[in-house]
Protein backbone atom coordinates (compact mmCIF):
# COMPACT_ATOMS: atom_id res chain seq x y z
CA UNK A 1 118.32 137.55 149.91
CA UNK A 2 114.52 138.28 149.96
CA UNK A 3 112.31 135.89 151.77
CA UNK A 4 108.84 134.61 151.14
CA UNK A 5 107.34 137.01 153.46
CA UNK A 6 109.28 139.92 152.01
CA UNK A 7 107.75 139.52 148.51
CA UNK A 8 105.35 142.34 147.27
CA UNK A 9 101.85 141.08 146.44
CA UNK A 10 100.61 144.42 145.07
CA UNK A 11 99.20 144.19 141.36
CA UNK A 12 99.39 147.00 138.95
CA UNK A 13 96.04 148.78 138.41
CA UNK A 14 94.56 147.83 134.92
CA UNK A 15 94.11 150.73 132.68
CA UNK A 16 90.43 151.73 132.01
CA UNK A 17 89.56 151.63 128.40
CA UNK A 18 87.95 154.22 126.48
CA UNK A 19 84.81 152.07 125.90
CA UNK A 20 84.38 151.53 129.66
CA UNK A 21 84.65 155.38 130.10
CA UNK A 22 81.93 155.91 127.69
CA UNK A 23 79.59 153.42 129.13
CA UNK A 24 80.21 154.79 132.58
CA UNK A 25 79.43 158.21 131.49
CA UNK A 26 76.23 157.10 129.74
CA UNK A 27 75.07 155.41 132.97
CA UNK A 28 75.73 158.40 134.91
CA UNK A 29 73.61 160.52 132.42
CA UNK A 30 70.78 158.16 132.60
CA UNK A 31 70.77 158.18 136.42
CA UNK A 32 70.71 162.05 136.55
CA UNK A 33 67.89 161.97 133.91
CA UNK A 34 65.91 159.59 136.07
CA UNK A 35 66.35 161.61 139.21
CA UNK A 36 65.32 164.80 137.37
CA UNK A 37 62.28 163.22 136.03
CA UNK A 38 61.16 161.91 139.44
CA UNK A 39 61.63 165.41 141.02
CA UNK A 40 59.44 166.89 138.39
CA UNK A 41 56.71 164.36 138.62
CA UNK A 42 56.46 164.80 142.41
CA UNK A 43 56.47 168.46 142.05
CA UNK A 44 53.48 168.39 139.60
CA UNK A 45 51.54 165.94 141.80
CA UNK A 46 52.00 168.20 144.54
CA UNK A 47 50.67 171.16 142.49
CA UNK A 48 47.61 169.11 141.49
CA UNK A 49 46.99 167.91 145.13
CA UNK A 50 46.40 171.58 146.02
CA UNK A 51 44.79 172.84 142.90
CA UNK A 52 40.90 173.16 143.48
CA UNK A 53 39.23 172.61 140.10
CA UNK A 54 36.85 175.20 138.85
CA UNK A 55 33.08 174.29 138.80
CA UNK A 56 33.19 173.70 135.07
CA UNK A 57 36.48 172.11 134.83
CA UNK A 58 35.17 168.63 134.52
CA UNK A 59 37.89 167.46 137.06
CA UNK A 60 37.10 165.52 140.27
CA UNK A 61 36.25 167.88 143.23
CA UNK A 62 37.71 167.59 146.64
CA UNK A 63 34.26 166.65 148.09
CA UNK A 64 33.76 163.68 146.04
CA UNK A 65 31.18 165.14 143.75
CA UNK A 66 33.50 164.83 140.74
CA UNK A 67 33.03 168.53 140.04
CA UNK A 68 31.16 167.78 137.02
CA UNK A 69 28.55 170.49 137.13
CA UNK A 70 28.58 172.99 134.21
CA UNK A 71 26.24 174.98 132.12
CA UNK A 72 25.22 173.67 128.76
CA UNK A 73 23.75 175.56 125.90
CA UNK A 74 20.02 176.40 126.11
CA UNK A 75 19.22 173.85 123.49
CA UNK A 76 20.41 170.95 125.60
CA UNK A 77 17.92 170.97 128.30
CA UNK A 78 15.30 173.57 126.95
CA UNK A 79 12.54 175.35 128.66
CA UNK A 80 9.78 173.07 129.41
CA UNK A 81 7.10 175.28 127.52
CA UNK A 82 4.83 174.37 130.44
CA UNK A 83 3.48 176.91 132.90
CA UNK A 84 5.00 176.81 136.39
CA UNK A 85 7.68 174.52 135.27
CA UNK A 86 11.29 175.81 135.26
CA UNK A 87 14.38 174.43 133.29
CA UNK A 88 17.15 173.04 135.13
CA UNK A 89 19.26 175.75 136.87
CA UNK A 90 22.12 173.21 137.17
CA UNK A 91 23.17 170.81 134.45
CA UNK A 92 25.72 168.13 135.11
CA UNK A 93 27.85 166.18 132.70
CA UNK A 94 29.46 162.88 133.36
CA UNK A 95 32.30 161.01 131.42
CA UNK A 96 32.92 157.14 131.51
CA UNK A 97 35.49 157.75 134.18
CA UNK A 98 33.12 159.47 136.69
CA UNK A 99 29.76 157.84 135.59
CA UNK A 100 29.64 155.86 138.73
CA UNK A 101 29.22 159.14 140.74
CA UNK A 102 25.70 159.63 139.39
CA UNK A 103 24.45 156.10 138.81
CA UNK A 104 26.55 153.86 141.06
CA UNK A 105 25.63 150.34 140.65
CA UNK A 106 24.45 150.88 137.06
CA UNK A 107 27.43 152.68 135.37
CA UNK A 108 29.16 149.40 134.48
CA UNK A 109 26.11 148.17 132.58
CA UNK A 110 25.83 151.43 130.53
CA UNK A 111 29.63 151.49 129.84
CA UNK A 112 29.40 147.83 128.51
CA UNK A 113 26.61 149.01 126.14
CA UNK A 114 29.04 151.78 124.79
CA UNK A 115 28.06 154.90 126.87
CA UNK A 116 30.34 157.85 126.46
CA UNK A 117 28.58 160.38 128.49
CA UNK A 118 25.64 161.44 130.54
CA UNK A 119 23.93 164.84 130.94
CA UNK A 120 21.69 165.38 133.91
CA UNK A 121 19.22 168.18 134.91
CA UNK A 122 16.05 168.48 137.04
CA UNK A 123 13.04 170.42 135.84
CA UNK A 124 11.35 172.07 138.95
CA UNK A 125 7.89 173.23 139.79
CA UNK A 126 7.77 176.90 140.46
CA UNK A 127 5.57 176.76 143.44
CA UNK A 128 5.66 173.15 144.71
CA UNK A 129 9.12 172.18 145.77
CA UNK A 130 8.15 168.62 146.01
CA UNK A 131 7.40 168.15 142.29
CA UNK A 132 10.35 167.71 140.13
CA UNK A 133 11.35 165.71 136.92
CA UNK A 134 14.77 164.31 136.55
CA UNK A 135 16.28 163.97 132.98
CA UNK A 136 19.13 161.22 132.29
CA UNK A 137 20.31 161.86 128.85
CA UNK A 138 22.90 159.22 127.82
CA UNK A 139 25.08 159.60 124.76
CA UNK A 140 25.51 156.07 123.61
CA UNK A 141 27.97 156.78 120.87
CA UNK A 142 26.12 155.06 118.18
CA UNK A 143 22.66 154.47 117.20
CA UNK A 144 22.99 150.97 117.65
CA UNK A 145 24.11 151.27 121.17
CA UNK A 146 21.28 153.67 122.02
CA UNK A 147 18.86 150.83 120.64
CA UNK A 148 20.41 148.28 122.78
CA UNK A 149 20.22 150.32 126.07
CA UNK A 150 16.64 151.22 125.23
CA UNK A 151 15.67 147.68 124.49
CA UNK A 152 17.56 146.26 127.62
CA UNK A 153 15.32 148.42 129.93
CA UNK A 154 11.96 148.42 128.09
CA UNK A 155 9.33 146.26 129.84
CA UNK A 156 7.51 143.91 127.82
CA UNK A 157 4.19 144.76 126.26
CA UNK A 158 4.63 148.43 127.16
CA UNK A 159 2.58 150.77 124.88
CA UNK A 160 4.89 152.85 122.76
CA UNK A 161 4.60 156.64 122.34
CA UNK A 162 5.52 158.76 119.42
CA UNK A 163 8.74 160.33 120.84
CA UNK A 164 12.05 160.45 118.98
CA UNK A 165 12.90 157.13 117.11
CA UNK A 166 11.02 155.10 119.61
CA UNK A 167 9.73 155.54 123.08
CA UNK A 168 7.39 154.30 125.82
CA UNK A 169 5.72 155.64 128.93
CA UNK A 170 5.86 153.38 132.13
CA UNK A 171 3.89 154.99 134.93
CA UNK A 172 4.65 158.71 134.86
CA UNK A 173 8.17 158.40 133.28
CA UNK A 174 8.92 158.46 129.69
CA UNK A 175 11.87 156.75 127.94
CA UNK A 176 13.06 157.19 124.33
CA UNK A 177 15.89 157.05 121.87
CA UNK A 178 16.83 159.18 119.04
CA UNK A 179 19.99 158.69 117.12
CA UNK A 180 22.83 157.81 119.40
CA UNK A 181 20.95 159.25 122.34
CA UNK A 182 19.00 157.35 125.04
CA UNK A 183 16.79 159.65 127.32
CA UNK A 184 14.89 158.99 130.51
CA UNK A 185 12.40 161.66 131.60
CA UNK A 186 11.42 160.69 135.22
CA UNK A 187 9.19 162.57 137.74
CA UNK A 188 10.39 162.18 141.23
CA UNK A 189 6.91 161.95 142.72
CA UNK A 190 5.13 158.41 142.46
CA UNK A 191 1.75 158.37 140.65
CA UNK A 192 0.51 159.92 137.42
CA UNK A 193 0.22 163.38 138.46
CA UNK A 194 3.14 164.68 136.29
CA UNK A 195 2.93 162.09 133.55
CA UNK A 196 1.69 164.69 130.91
CA UNK A 197 4.47 166.99 131.95
CA UNK A 198 7.11 164.31 131.54
CA UNK A 199 5.69 163.49 128.14
CA UNK A 200 5.66 167.05 126.84
CA UNK A 201 9.36 167.57 128.14
CA UNK A 202 10.43 164.44 126.51
CA UNK A 203 8.95 165.73 123.09
CA UNK A 204 10.88 169.02 123.36
CA UNK A 205 13.93 167.27 124.21
CA UNK A 206 13.49 164.79 121.24
CA UNK A 207 12.84 167.70 118.91
CA UNK A 208 16.13 169.44 119.90
CA UNK A 209 18.23 166.32 119.17
């Protein structure tokens, strides 16, 4: 006669339904897919980490300079047309993503005004290394944005100059707008020694826009 302790407590294994099998298979496929995607992503990041961008690739460089230097068409920053003044040997372009590299502390203000790009170059004197003129050429996206940027920086009661759609000269520097562009032509030396040169370069730039 079987006793209480001799009874079998094992339960029969419940059969797995077809739906459960399908769900389990789908979960397995999703897990495998996620793992494969992760492996590919890590591999690509590793390739990019050791990929040194070319000088005109527009991608950030390893030295923090953003690797933005690239040659532009001659018409972008033309010859000055002035004896002893050489056009930029190196022209740099900056996008909204790396604008801070060139104008850290001011980039946010220009971006809020709609800036979509900056072209920078320096005109150098052929025999006097201490004389140079920097050009900051902002593409503001629209004519209205260019006007806003121009007006935001223009001093009160500054005499206008006939450059582009509107301009003024403050000290030796010339500022003007034309279309969607806002351009600053700024001698690196203080004083008015290169004021006329800056004015002529501004006029040539405006004529090419």
